[in-house]
Amino acid sequence: MTFGSVNYLAILVAAIAAWLAGAAWYMVLGKVWMAAQGITPEMKQANMQKRGAYLPFIYAFAAEIIMAWVLYGILVHLNMFTVRAGLISGALCWLGFVVTTTASNNAFSNRKAMLTVIDSVAWLGALLIIGAILGGFGA
């Protein structure tokens, strides 16, 4: 994939849409998510003051930019820029890499299963949104 042929606008739009969907997801499930981690709102607030309140949001957006760029590369190699191909590719990447890694990491960290469910579904949504937008934009 040459850098000149990359649809950077599609990647940026896909990453922004996925980031906003993730923000909505965690706003709705914030209390359940914190409980699944075993932390209180006070503990979260203290942690955010210590390391910076906006840093996790920047990391999440950077992750979604990278995911969109990589999924774009996959669609280029498949030579299949359709919404359907984007959705299928996003779902397969999620199943093969995201949910498996999240589940393994949380199991070894002795985290509650609900944390894996909440985080995995959030990343599934992100990859489906990214895939659909990239597929819809085309190469």
N, C-alpha and C. Protein backbone atom coordinates (compact mmCIF):
# COMPACT_ATOMS: atom_id res chain seq x y z
N MET A 1 0.86 -1.17 0.00
CA MET A 1 0.00 0.00 0.00
C MET A 1 0.90 1.22 0.00
N THR A 2 0.80 2.00 -1.02
CA THR A 2 1.60 3.22 -1.08
C THR A 2 0.89 4.32 -0.32
N PHE A 3 1.67 5.24 0.23
CA PHE A 3 1.07 6.31 1.02
C PHE A 3 0.24 7.25 0.16
N GLY A 4 0.54 7.36 -1.11
CA GLY A 4 -0.21 8.24 -1.99
C GLY A 4 -1.61 7.76 -2.28
N SER A 5 -1.87 6.49 -2.12
CA SER A 5 -3.18 5.94 -2.47
C SER A 5 -4.10 5.75 -1.26
N VAL A 6 -3.68 6.18 -0.12
CA VAL A 6 -4.48 6.00 1.08
C VAL A 6 -5.54 7.09 1.16
N ASN A 7 -6.76 6.70 1.46
CA ASN A 7 -7.85 7.65 1.64
C ASN A 7 -7.84 8.12 3.10
N TYR A 8 -7.03 9.13 3.36
CA TYR A 8 -6.87 9.61 4.74
C TYR A 8 -8.16 10.20 5.30
N LEU A 9 -8.98 10.79 4.45
CA LEU A 9 -10.25 11.34 4.91
C LEU A 9 -11.15 10.23 5.45
N ALA A 10 -11.22 9.12 4.74
CA ALA A 10 -12.03 7.98 5.19
C ALA A 10 -11.52 7.46 6.52
N ILE A 11 -10.21 7.36 6.66
CA ILE A 11 -9.61 6.88 7.91
C ILE A 11 -9.94 7.83 9.06
N LEU A 12 -9.82 9.11 8.83
CA LEU A 12 -10.11 10.10 9.87
C LEU A 12 -11.59 10.10 10.25
N VAL A 13 -12.47 10.08 9.28
CA VAL A 13 -13.91 10.05 9.55
C VAL A 13 -14.28 8.79 10.31
N ALA A 14 -13.73 7.66 9.90
CA ALA A 14 -14.02 6.39 10.57
C ALA A 14 -13.54 6.41 12.01
N ALA A 15 -12.35 6.93 12.26
CA ALA A 15 -11.80 6.98 13.61
C ALA A 15 -12.62 7.92 14.49
N ILE A 16 -13.01 9.06 13.96
CA ILE A 16 -13.82 10.01 14.74
C ILE A 16 -15.17 9.40 15.09
N ALA A 17 -15.81 8.76 14.13
CA ALA A 17 -17.12 8.13 14.37
C ALA A 17 -17.01 7.03 15.42
N ALA A 18 -15.98 6.22 15.33
CA ALA A 18 -15.79 5.14 16.31
C ALA A 18 -15.50 5.71 17.69
N TRP A 19 -14.70 6.77 17.75
CA TRP A 19 -14.36 7.40 19.02
C TRP A 19 -15.60 7.98 19.68
N LEU A 20 -16.44 8.63 18.90
CA LEU A 20 -17.68 9.20 19.45
C LEU A 20 -18.64 8.11 19.92
N ALA A 21 -18.72 7.02 19.16
CA ALA A 21 -19.58 5.91 19.58
C ALA A 21 -19.06 5.29 20.88
N GLY A 22 -17.74 5.17 21.00
CA GLY A 22 -17.17 4.66 22.24
C GLY A 22 -17.44 5.57 23.42
N ALA A 23 -17.37 6.87 23.18
CA ALA A 23 -17.68 7.83 24.24
C ALA A 23 -19.12 7.67 24.71
N ALA A 24 -20.03 7.52 23.77
CA ALA A 24 -21.44 7.32 24.12
C ALA A 24 -21.63 6.00 24.89
N TRP A 25 -20.97 4.95 24.44
CA TRP A 25 -21.06 3.64 25.07
C TRP A 25 -20.63 3.70 26.53
N TYR A 26 -19.49 4.31 26.78
CA TYR A 26 -18.97 4.37 28.14
C TYR A 26 -19.69 5.40 29.00
N MET A 27 -20.32 6.40 28.39
CA MET A 27 -21.14 7.31 29.18
C MET A 27 -22.36 6.58 29.72
N VAL A 28 -22.94 5.73 28.90
CA VAL A 28 -24.11 4.96 29.32
C VAL A 28 -23.72 3.90 30.36
N LEU A 29 -22.60 3.23 30.15
CA LEU A 29 -22.20 2.10 31.01
C LEU A 29 -21.08 2.45 31.99
N GLY A 30 -20.83 3.73 32.20
CA GLY A 30 -19.70 4.15 33.03
C GLY A 30 -19.70 3.55 34.43
N LYS A 31 -20.84 3.57 35.09
CA LYS A 31 -20.90 3.04 36.46
C LYS A 31 -20.73 1.53 36.49
N VAL A 32 -21.32 0.85 35.54
CA VAL A 32 -21.18 -0.60 35.45
C VAL A 32 -19.74 -0.97 35.12
N TRP A 33 -19.13 -0.21 34.22
CA TRP A 33 -17.75 -0.43 33.82
C TRP A 33 -16.79 -0.24 35.00
N MET A 34 -17.01 0.83 35.78
CA MET A 34 -16.16 1.05 36.95
C MET A 34 -16.34 -0.07 37.97
N ALA A 35 -17.57 -0.50 38.18
CA ALA A 35 -17.82 -1.60 39.12
C ALA A 35 -17.14 -2.88 38.66
N ALA A 36 -17.15 -3.13 37.35
CA ALA A 36 -16.49 -4.32 36.81
C ALA A 36 -14.98 -4.27 37.02
N GLN A 37 -14.43 -3.06 37.11
CA GLN A 37 -13.01 -2.90 37.39
C GLN A 37 -12.72 -2.94 38.89
N GLY A 38 -13.77 -2.80 39.68
CA GLY A 38 -13.58 -2.78 41.12
C GLY A 38 -13.11 -1.43 41.63
N ILE A 39 -13.48 -0.36 40.92
CA ILE A 39 -13.09 0.97 41.37
C ILE A 39 -14.32 1.82 41.64
N THR A 40 -14.15 2.80 42.49
CA THR A 40 -15.22 3.74 42.83
C THR A 40 -15.01 5.02 42.03
N PRO A 41 -16.04 5.86 41.94
CA PRO A 41 -15.86 7.14 41.26
C PRO A 41 -14.75 7.98 41.89
N GLU A 42 -14.60 7.89 43.20
CA GLU A 42 -13.54 8.64 43.88
C GLU A 42 -12.16 8.14 43.47
N MET A 43 -12.01 6.83 43.37
CA MET A 43 -10.74 6.26 42.94
C MET A 43 -10.41 6.68 41.50
N LYS A 44 -11.44 6.68 40.64
CA LYS A 44 -11.24 7.08 39.25
C LYS A 44 -10.82 8.54 39.18
N GLN A 45 -11.48 9.39 39.95
CA GLN A 45 -11.17 10.82 39.95
C GLN A 45 -9.74 11.05 40.41
N ALA A 46 -9.32 10.37 41.47
CA ALA A 46 -7.95 10.53 41.98
C ALA A 46 -6.93 10.08 40.94
N ASN A 47 -7.23 8.99 40.26
CA ASN A 47 -6.32 8.48 39.22
C ASN A 47 -6.22 9.45 38.05
N MET A 48 -7.35 10.04 37.67
CA MET A 48 -7.34 10.98 36.55
C MET A 48 -6.58 12.25 36.90
N GLN A 49 -6.65 12.68 38.15
CA GLN A 49 -5.90 13.86 38.56
C GLN A 49 -4.40 13.58 38.56
N LYS A 50 -4.06 12.36 38.89
CA LYS A 50 -2.65 11.98 38.95
C LYS A 50 -2.00 11.92 37.56
N ARG A 51 -2.71 11.38 36.58
CA ARG A 51 -2.09 11.17 35.26
C ARG A 51 -2.65 12.05 34.16
N GLY A 52 -3.65 12.84 34.44
CA GLY A 52 -4.24 13.71 33.42
C GLY A 52 -5.56 13.17 32.94
N ALA A 53 -6.56 14.00 33.00
CA ALA A 53 -7.92 13.57 32.68
C ALA A 53 -8.11 13.24 31.20
N TYR A 54 -7.37 13.89 30.32
CA TYR A 54 -7.62 13.72 28.89
C TYR A 54 -6.72 12.70 28.21
N LEU A 55 -5.70 12.25 28.90
CA LEU A 55 -4.75 11.32 28.29
C LEU A 55 -5.40 10.02 27.80
N PRO A 56 -6.28 9.37 28.56
CA PRO A 56 -6.92 8.15 28.04
C PRO A 56 -7.74 8.39 26.77
N PHE A 57 -8.35 9.55 26.65
CA PHE A 57 -9.13 9.87 25.46
C PHE A 57 -8.23 10.03 24.24
N ILE A 58 -7.06 10.60 24.46
CA ILE A 58 -6.08 10.74 23.38
C ILE A 58 -5.57 9.36 22.95
N TYR A 59 -5.28 8.50 23.92
CA TYR A 59 -4.84 7.14 23.60
C TYR A 59 -5.91 6.38 22.82
N ALA A 60 -7.16 6.52 23.24
CA ALA A 60 -8.26 5.82 22.57
C ALA A 60 -8.39 6.31 21.13
N PHE A 61 -8.29 7.62 20.91
CA PHE A 61 -8.39 8.15 19.56
C PHE A 61 -7.21 7.69 18.70
N ALA A 62 -6.02 7.68 19.26
CA ALA A 62 -4.85 7.19 18.53
C ALA A 62 -5.04 5.72 18.15
N ALA A 63 -5.59 4.93 19.07
CA ALA A 63 -5.85 3.52 18.79
C ALA A 63 -6.83 3.38 17.64
N GLU A 64 -7.85 4.23 17.61
CA GLU A 64 -8.84 4.12 16.55
C GLU A 64 -8.29 4.60 15.20
N ILE A 65 -7.41 5.57 15.22
CA ILE A 65 -6.74 5.97 13.97
C ILE A 65 -5.93 4.80 13.43
N ILE A 66 -5.17 4.15 14.30
CA ILE A 66 -4.35 3.01 13.88
C ILE A 66 -5.23 1.86 13.39
N MET A 67 -6.30 1.57 14.13
CA MET A 67 -7.22 0.51 13.70
C MET A 67 -7.80 0.82 12.32
N ALA A 68 -8.21 2.06 12.11
CA ALA A 68 -8.79 2.43 10.82
C ALA A 68 -7.76 2.30 9.69
N TRP A 69 -6.53 2.72 9.97
CA TRP A 69 -5.48 2.63 8.95
C TRP A 69 -5.18 1.17 8.61
N VAL A 70 -5.10 0.32 9.63
CA VAL A 70 -4.82 -1.10 9.40
C VAL A 70 -5.98 -1.78 8.68
N LEU A 71 -7.21 -1.49 9.11
CA LEU A 71 -8.36 -2.09 8.45
C LEU A 71 -8.45 -1.60 7.00
N TYR A 72 -8.08 -0.36 6.77
CA TYR A 72 -8.00 0.15 5.40
C TYR A 72 -7.01 -0.68 4.59
N GLY A 73 -5.85 -0.96 5.17
CA GLY A 73 -4.85 -1.78 4.50
C GLY A 73 -5.36 -3.17 4.19
N ILE A 74 -6.11 -3.74 5.10
CA ILE A 74 -6.70 -5.07 4.86
C ILE A 74 -7.66 -5.01 3.68
N LEU A 75 -8.51 -3.98 3.65
CA LEU A 75 -9.46 -3.85 2.55
C LEU A 75 -8.75 -3.61 1.21
N VAL A 76 -7.63 -2.89 1.26
CA VAL A 76 -6.84 -2.69 0.04
C VAL A 76 -6.33 -4.04 -0.45
N HIS A 77 -5.79 -4.84 0.45
CA HIS A 77 -5.25 -6.14 0.05
C HIS A 77 -6.32 -7.11 -0.40
N LEU A 78 -7.51 -6.98 0.16
CA LEU A 78 -8.63 -7.80 -0.31
C LEU A 78 -9.21 -7.27 -1.61
N ASN A 79 -8.92 -5.99 -1.89
CA ASN A 79 -9.49 -5.28 -3.04
C ASN A 79 -11.01 -5.36 -3.01
N MET A 80 -11.56 -5.11 -1.83
CA MET A 80 -13.00 -5.19 -1.63
C MET A 80 -13.48 -4.02 -0.78
N PHE A 81 -13.74 -2.91 -1.41
CA PHE A 81 -14.24 -1.75 -0.69
C PHE A 81 -15.75 -1.66 -0.84
N THR A 82 -16.42 -2.39 0.04
CA THR A 82 -17.88 -2.31 0.16
C THR A 82 -18.19 -2.24 1.64
N VAL A 83 -19.37 -1.77 1.96
CA VAL A 83 -19.77 -1.72 3.37
C VAL A 83 -19.77 -3.14 3.94
N ARG A 84 -20.26 -4.08 3.17
CA ARG A 84 -20.31 -5.48 3.63
C ARG A 84 -18.91 -6.02 3.92
N ALA A 85 -17.97 -5.78 3.02
CA ALA A 85 -16.60 -6.25 3.22
C ALA A 85 -15.97 -5.58 4.43
N GLY A 86 -16.25 -4.30 4.62
CA GLY A 86 -15.74 -3.59 5.78
C GLY A 86 -16.29 -4.14 7.08
N LEU A 87 -17.59 -4.42 7.10
CA LEU A 87 -18.22 -4.99 8.30
C LEU A 87 -17.66 -6.38 8.62
N ILE A 88 -17.57 -7.21 7.60
CA ILE A 88 -17.05 -8.57 7.81
C ILE A 88 -15.60 -8.53 8.26
N SER A 89 -14.79 -7.72 7.62
CA SER A 89 -13.37 -7.62 7.99
C SER A 89 -13.21 -7.07 9.41
N GLY A 90 -13.99 -6.06 9.75
CA GLY A 90 -13.95 -5.51 11.11
C GLY A 90 -14.36 -6.55 12.14
N ALA A 91 -15.42 -7.30 11.85
CA ALA A 91 -15.89 -8.33 12.79
C ALA A 91 -14.85 -9.44 12.95
N LEU A 92 -14.22 -9.84 11.85
CA LEU A 92 -13.21 -10.89 11.94
C LEU A 92 -11.97 -10.43 12.70
N CYS A 93 -11.56 -9.19 12.47
CA CYS A 93 -10.42 -8.65 13.23
C CYS A 93 -10.76 -8.60 14.71
N TRP A 94 -11.97 -8.20 15.03
CA TRP A 94 -12.42 -8.16 16.43
C TRP A 94 -12.37 -9.56 17.05
N LEU A 95 -12.97 -10.52 16.36
CA LEU A 95 -13.04 -11.88 16.90
C LEU A 95 -11.65 -12.50 17.03
N GLY A 96 -10.80 -12.29 16.04
CA GLY A 96 -9.49 -12.92 16.04
C GLY A 96 -8.46 -12.26 16.93
N PHE A 97 -8.57 -10.95 17.10
CA PHE A 97 -7.51 -10.23 17.80
C PHE A 97 -7.97 -9.48 19.05
N VAL A 98 -9.09 -8.80 18.98
CA VAL A 98 -9.50 -7.92 20.07
C VAL A 98 -10.13 -8.69 21.22
N VAL A 99 -11.19 -9.43 20.95
CA VAL A 99 -11.89 -10.12 22.04
C VAL A 99 -11.00 -11.18 22.68
N THR A 100 -10.18 -11.83 21.88
CA THR A 100 -9.30 -12.85 22.44
C THR A 100 -8.24 -12.23 23.35
N THR A 101 -7.67 -11.12 22.93
CA THR A 101 -6.65 -10.45 23.74
C THR A 101 -7.27 -9.86 25.01
N THR A 102 -8.41 -9.21 24.85
CA THR A 102 -9.10 -8.61 26.00
C THR A 102 -9.47 -9.68 27.02
N ALA A 103 -10.03 -10.78 26.55
CA ALA A 103 -10.43 -11.85 27.47
C ALA A 103 -9.22 -12.46 28.18
N SER A 104 -8.15 -12.70 27.43
CA SER A 104 -6.94 -13.27 28.05
C SER A 104 -6.34 -12.33 29.08
N ASN A 105 -6.19 -11.07 28.71
CA ASN A 105 -5.60 -10.10 29.64
C ASN A 105 -6.45 -9.96 30.91
N ASN A 106 -7.75 -9.87 30.74
CA ASN A 106 -8.62 -9.72 31.90
C ASN A 106 -8.65 -10.98 32.76
N ALA A 107 -8.54 -12.14 32.15
CA ALA A 107 -8.51 -13.39 32.93
C ALA A 107 -7.25 -13.46 33.79
N PHE A 108 -6.11 -13.14 33.21
CA PHE A 108 -4.86 -13.18 33.97
C PHE A 108 -4.79 -12.07 35.02
N SER A 109 -5.53 -10.98 34.78
CA SER A 109 -5.56 -9.89 35.75
C SER A 109 -6.64 -10.09 36.81
N ASN A 110 -7.34 -11.22 36.72
CA ASN A 110 -8.40 -11.56 37.67
C ASN A 110 -9.54 -10.54 37.65
N ARG A 111 -9.86 -10.03 36.47
CA ARG A 111 -10.94 -9.06 36.31
C ARG A 111 -12.26 -9.79 36.14
N LYS A 112 -13.33 -9.07 36.41
CA LYS A 112 -14.67 -9.63 36.26
C LYS A 112 -14.98 -9.84 34.78
N ALA A 113 -15.77 -10.87 34.50
CA ALA A 113 -16.15 -11.16 33.12
C ALA A 113 -16.91 -10.00 32.49
N MET A 114 -17.66 -9.26 33.30
CA MET A 114 -18.43 -8.13 32.76
C MET A 114 -17.51 -7.08 32.14
N LEU A 115 -16.32 -6.91 32.67
CA LEU A 115 -15.38 -5.95 32.09
C LEU A 115 -15.00 -6.37 30.68
N THR A 116 -14.77 -7.66 30.49
CA THR A 116 -14.46 -8.18 29.16
C THR A 116 -15.63 -7.95 28.21
N VAL A 117 -16.83 -8.19 28.68
CA VAL A 117 -18.02 -8.00 27.84
C VAL A 117 -18.15 -6.54 27.43
N ILE A 118 -18.08 -5.64 28.41
CA ILE A 118 -18.27 -4.21 28.12
C ILE A 118 -17.20 -3.71 27.16
N ASP A 119 -15.94 -3.99 27.45
CA ASP A 119 -14.85 -3.51 26.60
C ASP A 119 -14.86 -4.17 25.22
N SER A 120 -15.12 -5.45 25.18
CA SER A 120 -15.13 -6.16 23.89
C SER A 120 -16.25 -5.67 22.98
N VAL A 121 -17.42 -5.45 23.54
CA VAL A 121 -18.53 -4.96 22.73
C VAL A 121 -18.24 -3.54 22.23
N ALA A 122 -17.59 -2.74 23.07
CA ALA A 122 -17.21 -1.39 22.64
C ALA A 122 -16.27 -1.46 21.43
N TRP A 123 -15.28 -2.34 21.49
CA TRP A 123 -14.34 -2.46 20.37
C TRP A 123 -14.98 -3.11 19.15
N LEU A 124 -15.96 -4.00 19.37
CA LEU A 124 -16.70 -4.55 18.24
C LEU A 124 -17.43 -3.42 17.51
N GLY A 125 -18.10 -2.57 18.29
CA GLY A 125 -18.78 -1.43 17.69
C GLY A 125 -17.81 -0.54 16.92
N ALA A 126 -16.66 -0.28 17.51
CA ALA A 126 -15.66 0.56 16.85
C ALA A 126 -15.22 -0.04 15.52
N LEU A 127 -14.92 -1.32 15.52
CA LEU A 127 -14.44 -1.96 14.29
C LEU A 127 -15.54 -2.08 13.23
N LEU A 128 -16.77 -2.28 13.66
CA LEU A 128 -17.87 -2.33 12.69
C LEU A 128 -18.11 -0.95 12.08
N ILE A 129 -18.06 0.08 12.91
CA ILE A 129 -18.22 1.45 12.40
C ILE A 129 -17.08 1.80 11.44
N ILE A 130 -15.87 1.51 11.87
CA ILE A 130 -14.70 1.79 11.02
C ILE A 130 -14.82 1.03 9.70
N GLY A 131 -15.12 -0.25 9.78
CA GLY A 131 -15.23 -1.06 8.56
C GLY A 131 -16.30 -0.58 7.61
N ALA A 132 -17.48 -0.23 8.18
CA ALA A 132 -18.57 0.24 7.33
C ALA A 132 -18.21 1.55 6.65
N ILE A 133 -17.61 2.45 7.40
CA ILE A 133 -17.25 3.76 6.81
C ILE A 133 -16.16 3.61 5.76
N LEU A 134 -15.14 2.84 6.07
CA LEU A 134 -14.06 2.64 5.08
C LEU A 134 -14.60 1.96 3.83
N GLY A 135 -15.41 0.94 4.02
CA GLY A 135 -15.98 0.24 2.87
C GLY A 135 -16.88 1.14 2.05
N GLY A 136 -17.64 1.99 2.74
CA GLY A 136 -18.52 2.92 2.05
C GLY A 136 -17.79 4.01 1.29
N PHE A 137 -16.69 4.50 1.86
CA PHE A 137 -15.90 5.53 1.19
C PHE A 137 -15.20 4.97 -0.05
N GLY A 138 -14.73 3.76 0.06
CA GLY A 138 -13.98 3.16 -1.06
C GLY A 138 -12.52 3.56 -1.02
N ALA A 139 -11.78 3.01 -1.94
CA ALA A 139 -10.31 3.21 -1.99
C ALA A 139 -9.94 4.63 -2.35
